[in-house]
N, C-alpha and C. Protein backbone atom coordinates (compact mmCIF):
# COMPACT_ATOMS: atom_id res chain seq x y z
N MET A 1 -25.38 4.10 -5.45
CA MET A 1 -24.71 3.64 -4.27
C MET A 1 -24.92 4.66 -3.17
N GLU A 2 -25.53 4.25 -2.09
CA GLU A 2 -25.77 5.14 -0.96
C GLU A 2 -24.73 4.88 0.12
N ILE A 3 -24.03 5.92 0.49
CA ILE A 3 -22.97 5.79 1.48
C ILE A 3 -23.38 6.43 2.79
N GLY A 4 -23.89 7.64 2.76
CA GLY A 4 -24.35 8.31 3.97
C GLY A 4 -23.21 8.86 4.81
N TRP A 5 -23.50 8.98 6.10
CA TRP A 5 -22.56 9.61 7.02
C TRP A 5 -21.42 8.70 7.45
N SER A 6 -21.52 7.41 7.19
CA SER A 6 -20.45 6.52 7.64
C SER A 6 -19.13 6.82 6.91
N LEU A 7 -19.21 7.28 5.67
CA LEU A 7 -18.00 7.67 4.95
C LEU A 7 -17.35 8.88 5.61
N VAL A 8 -18.17 9.84 6.02
CA VAL A 8 -17.65 11.02 6.72
C VAL A 8 -17.03 10.60 8.05
N PHE A 9 -17.70 9.69 8.76
CA PHE A 9 -17.16 9.20 10.03
C PHE A 9 -15.81 8.52 9.83
N ASP A 10 -15.71 7.69 8.80
CA ASP A 10 -14.43 7.03 8.50
C ASP A 10 -13.34 8.06 8.21
N PHE A 11 -13.68 9.09 7.44
CA PHE A 11 -12.70 10.12 7.10
C PHE A 11 -12.26 10.89 8.35
N VAL A 12 -13.20 11.23 9.22
CA VAL A 12 -12.87 11.93 10.47
C VAL A 12 -12.00 11.04 11.36
N LEU A 13 -12.34 9.77 11.43
CA LEU A 13 -11.56 8.84 12.25
C LEU A 13 -10.13 8.71 11.72
N LEU A 14 -9.99 8.61 10.41
CA LEU A 14 -8.65 8.55 9.82
C LEU A 14 -7.88 9.84 10.09
N SER A 15 -8.56 10.96 10.02
CA SER A 15 -7.91 12.25 10.30
C SER A 15 -7.44 12.31 11.75
N LEU A 16 -8.27 11.84 12.67
CA LEU A 16 -7.87 11.82 14.08
C LEU A 16 -6.68 10.89 14.32
N LEU A 17 -6.68 9.75 13.64
CA LEU A 17 -5.55 8.84 13.77
C LEU A 17 -4.26 9.48 13.26
N LEU A 18 -4.35 10.21 12.16
CA LEU A 18 -3.17 10.92 11.64
C LEU A 18 -2.71 12.01 12.60
N LEU A 19 -3.66 12.69 13.23
CA LEU A 19 -3.31 13.73 14.20
C LEU A 19 -2.61 13.13 15.42
N VAL A 20 -3.14 12.02 15.93
CA VAL A 20 -2.51 11.35 17.07
C VAL A 20 -1.12 10.82 16.68
N ALA A 21 -1.01 10.27 15.47
CA ALA A 21 0.28 9.76 15.01
C ALA A 21 1.30 10.88 14.89
N THR A 22 0.87 12.04 14.42
CA THR A 22 1.78 13.19 14.33
C THR A 22 2.25 13.61 15.71
N PHE A 23 1.34 13.65 16.66
CA PHE A 23 1.69 14.00 18.03
C PHE A 23 2.67 12.98 18.61
N LEU A 24 2.41 11.69 18.38
CA LEU A 24 3.31 10.65 18.88
C LEU A 24 4.70 10.76 18.27
N ARG A 25 4.76 11.07 16.98
CA ARG A 25 6.07 11.21 16.32
C ARG A 25 6.85 12.38 16.89
N VAL A 26 6.16 13.43 17.31
CA VAL A 26 6.84 14.58 17.89
C VAL A 26 7.35 14.26 19.29
N LYS A 27 6.57 13.51 20.06
CA LYS A 27 6.88 13.29 21.47
C LYS A 27 7.70 12.02 21.76
N VAL A 28 7.54 10.98 20.95
CA VAL A 28 8.20 9.70 21.22
C VAL A 28 9.49 9.62 20.41
N ARG A 29 10.60 9.53 21.11
CA ARG A 29 11.92 9.59 20.48
C ARG A 29 12.18 8.43 19.52
N ILE A 30 11.76 7.22 19.89
CA ILE A 30 12.03 6.05 19.06
C ILE A 30 11.34 6.15 17.70
N LEU A 31 10.14 6.75 17.67
CA LEU A 31 9.44 6.92 16.40
C LEU A 31 10.17 7.91 15.50
N GLN A 32 10.83 8.89 16.10
CA GLN A 32 11.62 9.83 15.31
C GLN A 32 12.84 9.13 14.73
N ARG A 33 13.49 8.31 15.54
CA ARG A 33 14.70 7.64 15.08
C ARG A 33 14.40 6.58 14.02
N LEU A 34 13.24 5.95 14.10
CA LEU A 34 12.88 4.92 13.13
C LEU A 34 12.47 5.49 11.78
N LEU A 35 12.22 6.79 11.72
CA LEU A 35 11.80 7.47 10.48
C LEU A 35 10.50 6.93 9.92
N LEU A 36 9.64 6.41 10.78
CA LEU A 36 8.34 5.92 10.32
C LEU A 36 7.45 7.10 9.96
N PRO A 37 6.81 7.06 8.80
CA PRO A 37 5.91 8.15 8.44
C PRO A 37 4.65 8.16 9.31
N ASN A 38 4.05 9.32 9.43
CA ASN A 38 2.84 9.46 10.24
C ASN A 38 1.73 8.53 9.77
N ALA A 39 1.61 8.35 8.47
CA ALA A 39 0.54 7.50 7.95
C ALA A 39 0.71 6.05 8.40
N LEU A 40 1.95 5.59 8.48
CA LEU A 40 2.18 4.21 8.92
C LEU A 40 1.88 4.06 10.41
N VAL A 41 2.28 5.04 11.20
CA VAL A 41 1.97 5.02 12.64
C VAL A 41 0.45 5.06 12.83
N ALA A 42 -0.23 5.91 12.06
CA ALA A 42 -1.70 5.98 12.14
C ALA A 42 -2.33 4.65 11.72
N GLY A 43 -1.75 4.00 10.72
CA GLY A 43 -2.26 2.70 10.30
C GLY A 43 -2.13 1.64 11.39
N PHE A 44 -1.01 1.65 12.09
CA PHE A 44 -0.85 0.72 13.22
C PHE A 44 -1.86 1.01 14.32
N LEU A 45 -2.07 2.30 14.60
CA LEU A 45 -3.07 2.67 15.61
C LEU A 45 -4.47 2.22 15.19
N GLY A 46 -4.81 2.45 13.92
CA GLY A 46 -6.12 2.03 13.41
C GLY A 46 -6.29 0.53 13.46
N PHE A 47 -5.23 -0.20 13.13
CA PHE A 47 -5.28 -1.66 13.21
C PHE A 47 -5.51 -2.10 14.65
N LEU A 48 -4.79 -1.47 15.57
CA LEU A 48 -4.94 -1.81 16.99
C LEU A 48 -6.37 -1.53 17.48
N LEU A 49 -6.90 -0.36 17.13
CA LEU A 49 -8.25 0.01 17.59
C LEU A 49 -9.34 -0.80 16.92
N ALA A 50 -9.20 -1.10 15.63
CA ALA A 50 -10.28 -1.75 14.89
C ALA A 50 -10.20 -3.27 14.94
N GLN A 51 -9.02 -3.83 14.75
CA GLN A 51 -8.92 -5.29 14.62
C GLN A 51 -8.58 -5.99 15.93
N VAL A 52 -7.74 -5.37 16.75
CA VAL A 52 -7.31 -6.02 17.98
C VAL A 52 -8.28 -5.73 19.12
N LEU A 53 -8.51 -4.44 19.39
CA LEU A 53 -9.38 -4.06 20.51
C LEU A 53 -10.86 -3.99 20.13
N ARG A 54 -11.16 -3.94 18.85
CA ARG A 54 -12.53 -3.86 18.32
C ARG A 54 -13.31 -2.68 18.89
N LEU A 55 -12.64 -1.54 19.05
CA LEU A 55 -13.29 -0.33 19.57
C LEU A 55 -13.95 0.49 18.48
N VAL A 56 -13.43 0.44 17.28
CA VAL A 56 -13.99 1.19 16.16
C VAL A 56 -14.11 0.25 14.97
N SER A 57 -14.92 0.66 14.01
CA SER A 57 -15.00 -0.10 12.75
C SER A 57 -15.07 0.89 11.60
N PHE A 58 -14.45 0.49 10.52
CA PHE A 58 -14.46 1.29 9.30
C PHE A 58 -15.41 0.62 8.31
N HIS A 59 -16.17 1.43 7.58
CA HIS A 59 -17.19 0.87 6.69
C HIS A 59 -16.91 1.07 5.21
N HIS A 60 -16.26 2.16 4.86
CA HIS A 60 -16.11 2.49 3.44
C HIS A 60 -14.68 2.83 3.08
N LEU A 61 -13.72 2.11 3.64
CA LEU A 61 -12.33 2.39 3.32
C LEU A 61 -12.02 2.16 1.85
N GLU A 62 -12.70 1.19 1.24
CA GLU A 62 -12.46 0.92 -0.17
C GLU A 62 -12.77 2.14 -1.02
N ASN A 63 -13.88 2.81 -0.71
CA ASN A 63 -14.26 4.00 -1.48
C ASN A 63 -13.24 5.13 -1.28
N LEU A 64 -12.78 5.30 -0.05
CA LEU A 64 -11.77 6.34 0.19
C LEU A 64 -10.49 6.04 -0.57
N ILE A 65 -10.04 4.79 -0.52
CA ILE A 65 -8.81 4.42 -1.21
C ILE A 65 -8.96 4.65 -2.71
N TYR A 66 -10.07 4.22 -3.26
CA TYR A 66 -10.28 4.33 -4.70
C TYR A 66 -10.28 5.79 -5.15
N HIS A 67 -10.98 6.66 -4.43
CA HIS A 67 -11.12 8.05 -4.87
C HIS A 67 -9.91 8.90 -4.50
N LEU A 68 -9.30 8.65 -3.36
CA LEU A 68 -8.14 9.45 -2.97
C LEU A 68 -6.89 9.08 -3.75
N LEU A 69 -6.91 7.94 -4.43
CA LEU A 69 -5.78 7.55 -5.27
C LEU A 69 -5.55 8.59 -6.37
N ASN A 70 -6.63 9.18 -6.87
CA ASN A 70 -6.50 10.21 -7.90
C ASN A 70 -5.69 11.40 -7.39
N LEU A 71 -5.92 11.79 -6.15
CA LEU A 71 -5.14 12.90 -5.57
C LEU A 71 -3.67 12.55 -5.47
N THR A 72 -3.39 11.30 -5.18
CA THR A 72 -1.99 10.87 -5.09
C THR A 72 -1.30 11.03 -6.43
N PHE A 73 -1.95 10.60 -7.49
CA PHE A 73 -1.33 10.72 -8.81
C PHE A 73 -1.21 12.18 -9.24
N ALA A 74 -2.17 13.00 -8.87
CA ALA A 74 -2.07 14.43 -9.20
C ALA A 74 -0.90 15.06 -8.46
N ALA A 75 -0.66 14.64 -7.23
CA ALA A 75 0.43 15.22 -6.43
C ALA A 75 1.81 14.75 -6.90
N LEU A 76 1.88 13.66 -7.64
CA LEU A 76 3.17 13.17 -8.11
C LEU A 76 3.89 14.19 -8.99
N THR A 77 3.14 14.98 -9.71
CA THR A 77 3.77 15.93 -10.63
C THR A 77 4.17 17.22 -9.95
N LEU A 78 3.78 17.43 -8.71
CA LEU A 78 4.13 18.64 -7.99
C LEU A 78 5.55 18.52 -7.46
N GLY A 79 6.29 19.60 -7.50
CA GLY A 79 7.64 19.57 -6.95
C GLY A 79 8.53 20.55 -7.68
N MET A 80 9.76 20.62 -7.22
CA MET A 80 10.72 21.54 -7.80
C MET A 80 11.58 20.81 -8.83
N VAL A 81 11.98 21.53 -9.84
CA VAL A 81 12.89 21.00 -10.84
C VAL A 81 14.31 21.16 -10.31
N THR A 82 15.04 20.07 -10.23
CA THR A 82 16.41 20.15 -9.76
C THR A 82 17.35 20.30 -10.95
N ARG A 83 18.25 21.19 -10.84
CA ARG A 83 19.22 21.42 -11.92
C ARG A 83 20.43 20.52 -11.70
N GLY A 84 21.09 20.23 -12.80
CA GLY A 84 22.30 19.44 -12.72
C GLY A 84 22.07 17.94 -12.76
N ARG A 85 20.85 17.53 -12.87
CA ARG A 85 20.56 16.10 -12.94
C ARG A 85 20.58 15.69 -14.41
N SER A 86 21.29 14.65 -14.71
CA SER A 86 21.44 14.25 -16.10
C SER A 86 20.32 13.30 -16.52
N TYR A 87 20.13 13.22 -17.83
CA TYR A 87 19.13 12.30 -18.36
C TYR A 87 19.57 10.85 -18.15
N GLY A 88 20.87 10.62 -18.07
CA GLY A 88 21.38 9.27 -17.84
C GLY A 88 20.96 8.73 -16.49
N GLN A 89 20.98 9.59 -15.47
CA GLN A 89 20.54 9.16 -14.14
C GLN A 89 19.07 8.79 -14.15
N ALA A 90 18.27 9.62 -14.81
CA ALA A 90 16.83 9.35 -14.88
C ALA A 90 16.56 8.06 -15.65
N ALA A 91 17.28 7.86 -16.75
CA ALA A 91 17.08 6.66 -17.55
C ALA A 91 17.50 5.41 -16.77
N SER A 92 18.64 5.48 -16.07
CA SER A 92 19.08 4.30 -15.32
C SER A 92 18.12 3.98 -14.18
N THR A 93 17.56 5.01 -13.55
CA THR A 93 16.57 4.78 -12.50
C THR A 93 15.32 4.12 -13.08
N GLY A 94 14.86 4.59 -14.23
CA GLY A 94 13.69 4.00 -14.87
C GLY A 94 13.92 2.56 -15.28
N ILE A 95 15.10 2.28 -15.81
CA ILE A 95 15.43 0.91 -16.21
C ILE A 95 15.49 0.00 -14.99
N LEU A 96 16.10 0.48 -13.92
CA LEU A 96 16.19 -0.32 -12.69
C LEU A 96 14.81 -0.60 -12.12
N MET A 97 13.94 0.41 -12.10
CA MET A 97 12.59 0.21 -11.58
C MET A 97 11.81 -0.80 -12.43
N SER A 98 11.97 -0.73 -13.74
CA SER A 98 11.29 -1.68 -14.63
C SER A 98 11.81 -3.10 -14.40
N PHE A 99 13.12 -3.22 -14.21
CA PHE A 99 13.70 -4.54 -13.95
C PHE A 99 13.19 -5.12 -12.63
N VAL A 100 13.14 -4.30 -11.60
CA VAL A 100 12.66 -4.77 -10.29
C VAL A 100 11.19 -5.18 -10.38
N PHE A 101 10.37 -4.41 -11.11
CA PHE A 101 8.96 -4.77 -11.26
C PHE A 101 8.83 -6.09 -12.02
N ALA A 102 9.62 -6.26 -13.08
CA ALA A 102 9.58 -7.51 -13.84
C ALA A 102 10.01 -8.69 -12.97
N LEU A 103 11.01 -8.48 -12.13
CA LEU A 103 11.46 -9.53 -11.23
C LEU A 103 10.37 -9.89 -10.22
N GLN A 104 9.67 -8.87 -9.71
CA GLN A 104 8.56 -9.13 -8.79
C GLN A 104 7.45 -9.92 -9.48
N LEU A 105 7.15 -9.58 -10.72
CA LEU A 105 6.15 -10.34 -11.47
C LEU A 105 6.58 -11.79 -11.64
N LEU A 106 7.84 -11.99 -11.97
CA LEU A 106 8.36 -13.34 -12.17
C LEU A 106 8.24 -14.16 -10.88
N VAL A 107 8.65 -13.59 -9.77
CA VAL A 107 8.55 -14.29 -8.48
C VAL A 107 7.09 -14.55 -8.13
N GLY A 108 6.23 -13.56 -8.35
CA GLY A 108 4.81 -13.73 -8.05
C GLY A 108 4.16 -14.83 -8.86
N PHE A 109 4.44 -14.87 -10.16
CA PHE A 109 3.87 -15.92 -11.00
C PHE A 109 4.45 -17.29 -10.65
N ALA A 110 5.74 -17.34 -10.33
CA ALA A 110 6.34 -18.61 -9.94
C ALA A 110 5.68 -19.15 -8.67
N LEU A 111 5.48 -18.28 -7.69
CA LEU A 111 4.80 -18.71 -6.46
C LEU A 111 3.36 -19.13 -6.73
N THR A 112 2.69 -18.39 -7.60
CA THR A 112 1.30 -18.73 -7.94
C THR A 112 1.22 -20.09 -8.59
N PHE A 113 2.08 -20.36 -9.57
CA PHE A 113 2.04 -21.65 -10.24
C PHE A 113 2.44 -22.79 -9.30
N LEU A 114 3.36 -22.51 -8.38
CA LEU A 114 3.74 -23.50 -7.38
C LEU A 114 2.55 -23.82 -6.47
N LEU A 115 1.86 -22.79 -6.01
CA LEU A 115 0.69 -22.99 -5.15
C LEU A 115 -0.46 -23.66 -5.90
N MET A 116 -0.64 -23.30 -7.19
CA MET A 116 -1.70 -23.92 -7.98
C MET A 116 -1.42 -25.40 -8.22
N GLY A 117 -0.15 -25.75 -8.34
CA GLY A 117 0.21 -27.14 -8.58
C GLY A 117 0.23 -28.00 -7.34
N THR A 118 0.24 -27.38 -6.17
CA THR A 118 0.34 -28.17 -4.94
C THR A 118 -0.87 -27.99 -4.02
N LEU A 119 -0.93 -26.86 -3.34
CA LEU A 119 -1.92 -26.68 -2.27
C LEU A 119 -3.25 -26.10 -2.71
N PHE A 120 -3.22 -25.16 -3.65
CA PHE A 120 -4.43 -24.43 -4.04
C PHE A 120 -4.66 -24.52 -5.54
N PRO A 121 -5.22 -25.62 -6.03
CA PRO A 121 -5.41 -25.76 -7.48
C PRO A 121 -6.39 -24.76 -8.08
N ASP A 122 -7.28 -24.19 -7.27
CA ASP A 122 -8.26 -23.24 -7.78
C ASP A 122 -7.85 -21.79 -7.57
N LEU A 123 -6.59 -21.54 -7.26
CA LEU A 123 -6.11 -20.18 -7.03
C LEU A 123 -6.23 -19.35 -8.30
N PHE A 124 -6.64 -18.11 -8.14
CA PHE A 124 -6.80 -17.21 -9.28
C PHE A 124 -5.44 -17.02 -9.95
N PRO A 125 -5.34 -17.20 -11.27
CA PRO A 125 -4.03 -17.16 -11.95
C PRO A 125 -3.27 -15.84 -11.82
N ASN A 126 -3.96 -14.73 -11.69
CA ASN A 126 -3.27 -13.44 -11.58
C ASN A 126 -2.91 -13.07 -10.15
N PHE A 127 -3.03 -13.99 -9.23
CA PHE A 127 -2.69 -13.75 -7.83
C PHE A 127 -1.26 -13.22 -7.70
N GLY A 128 -0.33 -13.79 -8.42
CA GLY A 128 1.07 -13.38 -8.33
C GLY A 128 1.33 -12.00 -8.87
N SER A 129 0.59 -11.60 -9.90
CA SER A 129 0.80 -10.25 -10.42
C SER A 129 0.28 -9.20 -9.44
N LEU A 130 -0.70 -9.57 -8.64
CA LEU A 130 -1.21 -8.64 -7.63
C LEU A 130 -0.15 -8.35 -6.57
N MET A 131 0.71 -9.34 -6.31
CA MET A 131 1.81 -9.12 -5.38
C MET A 131 2.74 -8.03 -5.93
N ALA A 132 3.11 -8.13 -7.18
CA ALA A 132 4.00 -7.14 -7.79
C ALA A 132 3.34 -5.77 -7.85
N ILE A 133 2.07 -5.73 -8.17
CA ILE A 133 1.35 -4.45 -8.24
C ILE A 133 1.29 -3.82 -6.86
N GLY A 134 1.02 -4.61 -5.83
CA GLY A 134 0.95 -4.09 -4.47
C GLY A 134 2.29 -3.58 -3.98
N TYR A 135 3.37 -4.31 -4.29
CA TYR A 135 4.70 -3.90 -3.85
C TYR A 135 5.18 -2.67 -4.61
N ALA A 136 4.99 -2.65 -5.91
CA ALA A 136 5.57 -1.58 -6.73
C ALA A 136 4.68 -0.35 -6.81
N SER A 137 3.38 -0.54 -6.85
CA SER A 137 2.48 0.60 -7.07
C SER A 137 1.71 1.02 -5.83
N GLY A 138 1.71 0.20 -4.81
CA GLY A 138 1.03 0.57 -3.57
C GLY A 138 -0.34 -0.06 -3.44
N PRO A 139 -0.95 0.13 -2.28
CA PRO A 139 -2.23 -0.51 -2.00
C PRO A 139 -3.38 0.01 -2.86
N GLY A 140 -3.34 1.26 -3.28
CA GLY A 140 -4.43 1.80 -4.08
C GLY A 140 -4.56 1.11 -5.42
N GLN A 141 -3.45 0.99 -6.12
CA GLN A 141 -3.48 0.31 -7.42
C GLN A 141 -3.82 -1.17 -7.25
N ALA A 142 -3.22 -1.80 -6.24
CA ALA A 142 -3.49 -3.22 -6.03
C ALA A 142 -4.96 -3.45 -5.70
N PHE A 143 -5.54 -2.54 -4.91
CA PHE A 143 -6.96 -2.65 -4.59
C PHE A 143 -7.81 -2.51 -5.86
N SER A 144 -7.46 -1.56 -6.71
CA SER A 144 -8.23 -1.35 -7.94
C SER A 144 -8.17 -2.57 -8.84
N PHE A 145 -6.97 -3.12 -9.04
CA PHE A 145 -6.85 -4.31 -9.87
C PHE A 145 -7.58 -5.49 -9.24
N GLY A 146 -7.35 -5.72 -7.95
CA GLY A 146 -8.00 -6.85 -7.28
C GLY A 146 -9.51 -6.75 -7.31
N SER A 147 -10.04 -5.53 -7.12
CA SER A 147 -11.50 -5.34 -7.16
C SER A 147 -12.05 -5.62 -8.55
N SER A 148 -11.32 -5.20 -9.57
CA SER A 148 -11.80 -5.45 -10.93
C SER A 148 -11.75 -6.94 -11.26
N TRP A 149 -10.84 -7.68 -10.66
CA TRP A 149 -10.75 -9.12 -10.91
C TRP A 149 -11.78 -9.90 -10.10
N GLU A 150 -12.43 -9.26 -9.13
CA GLU A 150 -13.47 -9.96 -8.38
C GLU A 150 -14.61 -10.38 -9.31
N GLY A 151 -14.89 -9.57 -10.33
CA GLY A 151 -15.92 -9.92 -11.30
C GLY A 151 -15.54 -11.10 -12.17
N ARG A 152 -14.27 -11.44 -12.19
CA ARG A 152 -13.78 -12.57 -12.98
C ARG A 152 -13.52 -13.81 -12.12
N GLY A 153 -13.92 -13.73 -10.84
CA GLY A 153 -13.82 -14.92 -10.00
C GLY A 153 -12.77 -14.88 -8.91
N PHE A 154 -12.08 -13.77 -8.76
CA PHE A 154 -11.05 -13.65 -7.71
C PHE A 154 -11.73 -13.16 -6.43
N ALA A 155 -12.10 -14.11 -5.56
CA ALA A 155 -12.82 -13.76 -4.32
C ALA A 155 -11.94 -12.88 -3.43
N HIS A 156 -12.51 -11.77 -2.98
CA HIS A 156 -11.83 -10.82 -2.09
C HIS A 156 -10.54 -10.27 -2.71
N GLY A 157 -10.54 -10.07 -4.01
CA GLY A 157 -9.35 -9.58 -4.70
C GLY A 157 -8.90 -8.21 -4.22
N GLY A 158 -9.85 -7.32 -3.93
CA GLY A 158 -9.49 -5.99 -3.44
C GLY A 158 -8.77 -6.05 -2.11
N GLU A 159 -9.28 -6.88 -1.21
CA GLU A 159 -8.65 -7.02 0.10
C GLU A 159 -7.26 -7.65 -0.01
N VAL A 160 -7.12 -8.62 -0.90
CA VAL A 160 -5.81 -9.24 -1.11
C VAL A 160 -4.83 -8.19 -1.64
N GLY A 161 -5.30 -7.33 -2.54
CA GLY A 161 -4.45 -6.26 -3.05
C GLY A 161 -4.01 -5.31 -1.95
N LEU A 162 -4.94 -4.97 -1.06
CA LEU A 162 -4.59 -4.10 0.08
C LEU A 162 -3.54 -4.76 0.97
N ILE A 163 -3.67 -6.06 1.16
CA ILE A 163 -2.70 -6.77 1.99
C ILE A 163 -1.32 -6.73 1.35
N PHE A 164 -1.25 -7.01 0.04
CA PHE A 164 0.05 -6.96 -0.64
C PHE A 164 0.64 -5.56 -0.60
N GLY A 165 -0.20 -4.54 -0.77
CA GLY A 165 0.30 -3.17 -0.69
C GLY A 165 0.82 -2.84 0.69
N ALA A 166 0.11 -3.28 1.72
CA ALA A 166 0.55 -3.02 3.10
C ALA A 166 1.85 -3.75 3.40
N VAL A 167 1.96 -4.99 2.96
CA VAL A 167 3.20 -5.74 3.18
C VAL A 167 4.35 -5.08 2.42
N GLY A 168 4.07 -4.56 1.23
CA GLY A 168 5.11 -3.84 0.49
C GLY A 168 5.59 -2.61 1.24
N PHE A 169 4.66 -1.86 1.81
CA PHE A 169 5.05 -0.69 2.60
C PHE A 169 5.84 -1.10 3.84
N LEU A 170 5.38 -2.13 4.53
CA LEU A 170 6.10 -2.58 5.72
C LEU A 170 7.51 -3.04 5.36
N TRP A 171 7.64 -3.74 4.26
CA TRP A 171 8.96 -4.19 3.82
C TRP A 171 9.84 -2.99 3.47
N ALA A 172 9.28 -2.05 2.74
CA ALA A 172 10.07 -0.87 2.34
C ALA A 172 10.51 -0.06 3.55
N TYR A 173 9.60 0.17 4.47
CA TYR A 173 9.96 0.96 5.64
C TYR A 173 10.83 0.17 6.61
N GLY A 174 10.50 -1.10 6.82
CA GLY A 174 11.29 -1.91 7.75
C GLY A 174 12.72 -2.10 7.27
N VAL A 175 12.89 -2.61 6.07
CA VAL A 175 14.23 -2.85 5.53
C VAL A 175 14.90 -1.53 5.14
N GLY A 176 14.14 -0.63 4.53
CA GLY A 176 14.72 0.64 4.08
C GLY A 176 15.24 1.50 5.21
N VAL A 177 14.49 1.59 6.29
CA VAL A 177 14.92 2.41 7.43
C VAL A 177 16.16 1.81 8.08
N VAL A 178 16.18 0.48 8.22
CA VAL A 178 17.37 -0.17 8.79
C VAL A 178 18.57 0.08 7.89
N TRP A 179 18.36 -0.04 6.59
CA TRP A 179 19.44 0.17 5.63
C TRP A 179 19.96 1.61 5.71
N LEU A 180 19.07 2.58 5.83
CA LEU A 180 19.48 3.97 5.93
C LEU A 180 20.25 4.26 7.22
N ASN A 181 19.88 3.59 8.29
CA ASN A 181 20.52 3.86 9.58
C ASN A 181 21.82 3.08 9.80
N VAL A 182 22.14 2.16 8.91
CA VAL A 182 23.37 1.37 9.08
C VAL A 182 24.55 2.09 8.50
């Protein structure tokens, strides 16, 4: 697979978007109050520049997402050990997260079967599970699963996974930030 300099250009462009987003978060009061992360602000800027204004284009975002996902998982284990936290709290959090993921799978499969029975009879059967993966695990995991299912007939599965992951982030930040500020 030959990638060339376009991957470097994409990485530099993403870095510049993050830098501009950081500057905007420092200077624009509403962005501070909304608690939007720099990456989300940079994503909106990238969407505006690439999809709306068509000033830039990205060529290898899939490769960046796939490979940088490993760094994300490596960073999950970094942090400080907090004292005084009980095993019961950790267990209840794990049980709650598992329940929410199972509920997302259930809703996703129900919607998939509803769509397969009515509007889209040829819809890929695992479409609904990609929704749960995107919401619970993020766009990187959803992209990986969707891309692997492309070989089994799920057209544009990676892109669909990215969409579900992005919608999950928007939902978490939109509803979560409002909930925190109320």
